[in-house]
Amino acid sequence: MGQPTILIVEDDPFTRDLLARCFAKEGYLVDQAATGRQMHEKLEHRKPTLILLDRALPDEDGLVLLRQLRRHSDVPVVMLSAYADDADRIAGLAIGADDYVSKFWKTEELIARVSAVVRRYRPTEADSNAARRRYLTFAGFTLDTEGHALSDSSGRNIVLTPAEFRLLCALALAKGRTLSRDMLLDALGHGADAPQDRTVDVHISHLRTKLGCAGKPADQRIIRTITNVGYQMADC
């Protein structure tokens, strides 16, 4: 599968160099950017396995950059921030960060958390061509993205509405990652500026019933609620 590539976006040269050396020792190919503009320039030429993105950059807020990324890319992003409050962390996760780590980190913990995100994502990366992404599998189910069909382990067809199909595709493609309600509204074609009603919640409830996990304990559900953020398909 090749060496994973990490793009470190950090304006402080000492911190950036330290991170680069740490990840290089762990077998990563390392690329670096000091500003949001440099990050975009790097991404025009190469898609990394993961982006380690500083929250505070001289030319742009890291959360703004993350929002820009999520409009066109599913590359995993781990935010690195000196802001330690829950509200900031939740905001990052809601926009689409895969993890949010305080700058007061221990190197070992940061490497472990980044590596965990890479492990979750790389199977999807390997299936990036359209032919191999036609069939998405999870928890014994098979989703045919071209045939708009869902079947269980016995081959029984499960009828989905168009909205349910679009939501399930989005969750299955991002398996193991949290999708915010805004991201799921985008999947439905409503746009992030749509009123924050219970549209997504209602469709998720119907999907859970059809997948046979309604009423089960939270940790046994295929589609899990991430409080104050959105939903996640369990990595199973």
Protein backbone atom coordinates (compact mmCIF):
# COMPACT_ATOMS: atom_id res chain seq x y z
CA MET A 1 0.00 0.00 0.00
CA GLY A 2 3.10 2.24 0.26
CA GLN A 3 4.22 4.70 2.87
CA PRO A 4 1.57 7.01 4.32
CA THR A 5 2.12 10.70 3.58
CA ILE A 6 1.42 13.41 6.13
CA LEU A 7 1.11 17.12 5.33
CA ILE A 8 2.01 19.18 8.41
CA VAL A 9 0.46 22.66 8.30
CA GLU A 10 2.08 24.64 11.12
CA ASP A 11 3.48 28.18 11.08
CA ASP A 12 6.02 27.78 13.91
CA PRO A 13 9.22 26.43 12.30
CA PHE A 14 10.48 24.75 15.48
CA THR A 15 7.22 22.87 16.05
CA ARG A 16 6.90 22.02 12.37
CA ASP A 17 10.44 20.61 12.24
CA LEU A 18 9.91 18.64 15.45
CA LEU A 19 6.71 17.09 14.12
CA ALA A 20 8.34 16.32 10.78
CA ARG A 21 11.21 14.47 12.43
CA CYS A 22 8.89 12.51 14.74
CA PHE A 23 6.64 11.30 11.92
CA ALA A 24 9.56 10.56 9.60
CA LYS A 25 10.95 8.23 12.28
CA GLU A 26 7.59 6.44 12.29
CA GLY A 27 7.82 5.74 8.56
CA TYR A 28 5.75 8.62 7.20
CA LEU A 29 6.66 10.61 4.11
CA VAL A 30 6.46 14.19 5.36
CA ASP A 31 5.46 17.35 3.51
CA GLN A 32 5.22 20.76 5.17
CA ALA A 33 3.34 24.04 4.84
CA ALA A 34 3.57 27.18 6.97
CA THR A 35 0.34 28.86 5.82
CA GLY A 36 -3.09 28.02 4.50
CA ARG A 37 -2.07 29.25 1.06
CA GLN A 38 0.91 26.91 1.02
CA MET A 39 -1.36 24.05 2.09
CA HIS A 40 -3.67 24.62 -0.89
CA GLU A 41 -0.67 24.83 -3.24
CA LYS A 42 0.65 21.51 -1.93
CA LEU A 43 -2.75 19.86 -2.34
CA GLU A 44 -2.94 20.89 -6.00
CA HIS A 45 -0.01 18.58 -6.71
CA ARG A 46 -0.45 15.74 -4.24
CA LYS A 47 -3.13 14.31 -1.96
CA PRO A 48 -1.61 13.22 1.36
CA THR A 49 -2.83 10.31 3.43
CA LEU A 50 -3.56 12.78 6.26
CA ILE A 51 -3.27 16.48 7.07
CA LEU A 52 -2.11 17.66 10.51
CA LEU A 53 -3.59 21.16 10.62
CA ASP A 54 -2.75 23.89 13.12
CA ARG A 55 -5.76 25.81 14.42
CA ALA A 56 -4.02 29.23 14.34
CA LEU A 57 -2.20 30.17 11.14
CA PRO A 58 -0.98 33.64 10.10
CA ASP A 59 -3.14 33.94 6.99
CA GLU A 60 -6.27 31.94 7.85
CA ASP A 61 -8.09 30.32 10.75
CA GLY A 62 -7.60 26.55 10.76
CA LEU A 63 -11.33 25.93 11.10
CA VAL A 64 -11.99 28.03 7.99
CA LEU A 65 -9.39 26.00 6.10
CA LEU A 66 -11.01 22.80 7.32
CA ARG A 67 -14.41 23.94 6.08
CA GLN A 68 -12.88 24.77 2.68
CA LEU A 69 -11.29 21.32 2.51
CA ARG A 70 -14.52 19.53 3.31
CA ARG A 71 -16.29 21.15 0.36
CA HIS A 72 -14.24 19.07 -2.07
CA SER A 73 -12.07 16.57 -0.20
CA ASP A 74 -12.45 13.68 2.23
CA VAL A 75 -8.75 13.59 3.16
CA PRO A 76 -8.44 12.85 6.91
CA VAL A 77 -7.60 15.91 9.03
CA VAL A 78 -6.31 16.00 12.60
CA MET A 79 -6.51 19.48 14.13
CA LEU A 80 -3.68 20.65 16.39
CA SER A 81 -4.58 23.52 18.68
CA ALA A 82 -3.57 25.50 21.74
CA TYR A 83 -7.29 25.98 22.41
CA ALA A 84 -8.24 23.35 24.96
CA ASP A 85 -11.93 24.10 25.60
CA ASP A 86 -14.66 21.64 24.62
CA ALA A 87 -16.52 24.17 22.47
CA ASP A 88 -13.55 24.62 20.16
CA ARG A 89 -12.96 20.88 19.91
CA ILE A 90 -16.64 20.22 19.15
CA ALA A 91 -16.61 22.94 16.48
CA GLY A 92 -13.66 21.27 14.77
CA LEU A 93 -15.26 17.85 14.84
CA ALA A 94 -18.57 19.25 13.62
CA ILE A 95 -16.91 20.83 10.58
CA GLY A 96 -15.25 17.54 9.71
CA ALA A 97 -12.01 16.99 11.63
CA ASP A 98 -11.24 13.33 12.28
CA ASP A 99 -9.58 14.15 15.60
CA TYR A 100 -8.72 17.25 17.61
CA VAL A 101 -5.54 17.27 19.69
CA SER A 102 -4.32 19.90 22.15
CA LYS A 103 -0.90 21.42 21.48
CA PHE A 104 0.03 20.36 24.98
CA TRP A 105 0.41 16.85 23.60
CA LYS A 106 2.84 14.09 24.30
CA THR A 107 4.53 13.04 21.06
CA GLU A 108 3.63 9.39 21.59
CA GLU A 109 -0.06 10.20 22.00
CA LEU A 110 -0.16 12.40 18.92
CA ILE A 111 1.52 9.75 16.76
CA ALA A 112 -0.85 7.08 18.10
CA ARG A 113 -3.94 9.17 17.36
CA VAL A 114 -2.78 10.12 13.89
CA SER A 115 -1.93 6.49 13.12
CA ALA A 116 -5.38 5.40 14.30
CA VAL A 117 -7.02 7.81 11.85
CA VAL A 118 -4.75 6.59 9.03
CA ARG A 119 -5.68 2.95 9.73
CA ARG A 120 -9.39 3.78 9.54
CA TYR A 121 -9.05 5.67 6.29
CA ARG A 122 -6.59 3.71 4.17
CA PRO A 123 -8.96 0.87 3.15
CA THR A 124 -11.29 3.51 1.68
CA GLU A 125 -8.31 5.15 -0.02
CA ALA A 126 -7.37 1.82 -1.58
CA ASP A 127 -10.87 1.57 -3.05
CA SER A 128 -10.74 5.03 -4.59
CA ASN A 129 -11.43 3.99 -8.19
CA ALA A 130 -15.10 3.92 -9.15
CA ALA A 131 -15.30 0.22 -9.96
CA ARG A 132 -14.11 -0.88 -6.55
CA ARG A 133 -16.26 1.65 -4.72
CA ARG A 134 -19.49 0.46 -6.30
CA TYR A 135 -20.12 -2.04 -3.50
CA LEU A 136 -19.79 -0.77 0.06
CA THR A 137 -19.95 -3.35 2.86
CA PHE A 138 -20.63 -2.87 6.56
CA ALA A 139 -21.90 -5.11 9.37
CA GLY A 140 -23.05 -7.84 6.96
CA PHE A 141 -24.83 -5.45 4.59
CA THR A 142 -23.88 -4.64 0.99
CA LEU A 143 -24.74 -1.26 -0.53
CA ASP A 144 -24.72 -1.08 -4.34
CA THR A 145 -24.04 2.59 -5.04
CA GLU A 146 -24.82 2.28 -8.76
CA GLY A 147 -27.85 0.03 -8.46
CA HIS A 148 -29.25 2.01 -5.52
CA ALA A 149 -29.80 -1.26 -3.64
CA LEU A 150 -29.13 -2.50 -0.12
CA SER A 151 -29.03 -6.19 0.80
CA ASP A 152 -28.35 -8.04 4.04
CA SER A 153 -26.09 -11.06 4.60
CA SER A 154 -28.77 -13.45 3.30
CA GLY A 155 -29.18 -11.48 0.07
CA ARG A 156 -32.55 -10.04 1.06
CA ASN A 157 -33.20 -6.65 -0.51
CA ILE A 158 -33.97 -3.76 1.85
CA VAL A 159 -36.01 -0.95 0.33
CA LEU A 160 -34.62 2.56 0.88
CA THR A 161 -36.07 5.94 0.04
CA PRO A 162 -33.83 8.22 -2.08
CA ALA A 163 -32.98 10.31 0.99
CA GLU A 164 -32.13 7.23 3.06
CA PHE A 165 -29.93 5.93 0.25
CA ARG A 166 -27.98 9.20 0.01
CA LEU A 167 -27.43 9.35 3.77
CA LEU A 168 -26.35 5.72 3.95
CA CYS A 169 -23.88 6.22 1.08
CA ALA A 170 -22.35 9.23 2.82
CA LEU A 171 -22.00 7.36 6.12
CA ALA A 172 -20.65 4.18 4.51
CA LEU A 173 -18.05 6.08 2.49
CA ALA A 174 -16.89 7.80 5.68
CA LYS A 175 -17.08 4.66 7.85
CA GLY A 176 -15.36 5.29 11.18
CA ARG A 177 -15.49 9.06 10.70
CA THR A 178 -18.01 11.48 12.18
CA LEU A 179 -20.18 13.46 9.77
CA SER A 180 -21.82 16.64 11.05
CA ARG A 181 -25.50 17.36 10.42
CA ASP A 182 -24.46 20.06 7.94
CA MET A 183 -22.43 17.51 5.99
CA LEU A 184 -25.38 15.12 5.95
CA LEU A 185 -27.72 17.91 4.85
CA ASP A 186 -25.29 18.49 1.97
CA ALA A 187 -25.57 14.79 1.11
CA LEU A 188 -29.34 15.24 0.95
CA GLY A 189 -28.89 18.23 -1.33
CA HIS A 190 -30.32 20.67 1.21
CA GLY A 191 -27.10 22.65 1.68
CA ALA A 192 -25.43 23.65 4.92
CA ASP A 193 -27.59 26.80 5.14
CA ALA A 194 -30.83 24.81 5.35
CA PRO A 195 -32.88 25.27 8.54
CA GLN A 196 -31.61 23.09 11.37
CA ASP A 197 -34.72 20.95 11.72
CA ARG A 198 -34.93 17.23 12.44
CA THR A 199 -34.72 16.08 8.81
CA VAL A 200 -31.45 14.19 9.28
CA ASP A 201 -32.50 12.75 12.65
CA VAL A 202 -35.76 11.38 11.23
CA HIS A 203 -34.02 9.70 8.28
CA ILE A 204 -31.36 8.22 10.59
CA SER A 205 -34.10 6.82 12.82
CA HIS A 206 -35.72 5.12 9.81
CA LEU A 207 -32.36 3.74 8.66
CA ARG A 208 -31.67 2.27 12.09
CA THR A 209 -35.02 0.49 11.98
CA LYS A 210 -34.30 -0.95 8.52
CA LEU A 211 -30.80 -2.02 9.60
CA GLY A 212 -32.27 -3.77 12.64
CA CYS A 213 -30.44 -1.74 15.24
CA ALA A 214 -33.23 0.51 16.52
CA GLY A 215 -33.62 0.19 20.27
CA LYS A 216 -30.21 -1.39 20.76
CA PRO A 217 -27.67 0.10 23.20
CA ALA A 218 -25.76 3.02 21.69
CA ASP A 219 -22.48 1.08 21.42
CA GLN A 220 -24.20 -1.70 19.43
CA ARG A 221 -25.74 0.51 16.76
CA ILE A 222 -24.37 0.51 13.23
CA ILE A 223 -25.11 4.25 12.97
CA ARG A 224 -24.01 5.98 16.14
CA THR A 225 -24.93 9.39 17.50
CA ILE A 226 -21.96 11.63 18.28
CA THR A 227 -23.43 14.09 20.77
CA ASN A 228 -23.46 17.73 19.64
CA VAL A 229 -21.67 16.79 16.41
CA GLY A 230 -23.55 14.39 14.13
CA TYR A 231 -23.47 10.70 13.19
CA GLN A 232 -20.92 8.01 12.48
CA MET A 233 -21.10 4.58 10.91
CA ALA A 234 -19.33 2.11 13.19
CA ASP A 235 -16.10 0.75 11.70
CA CYS A 236 -17.33 -2.84 11.47
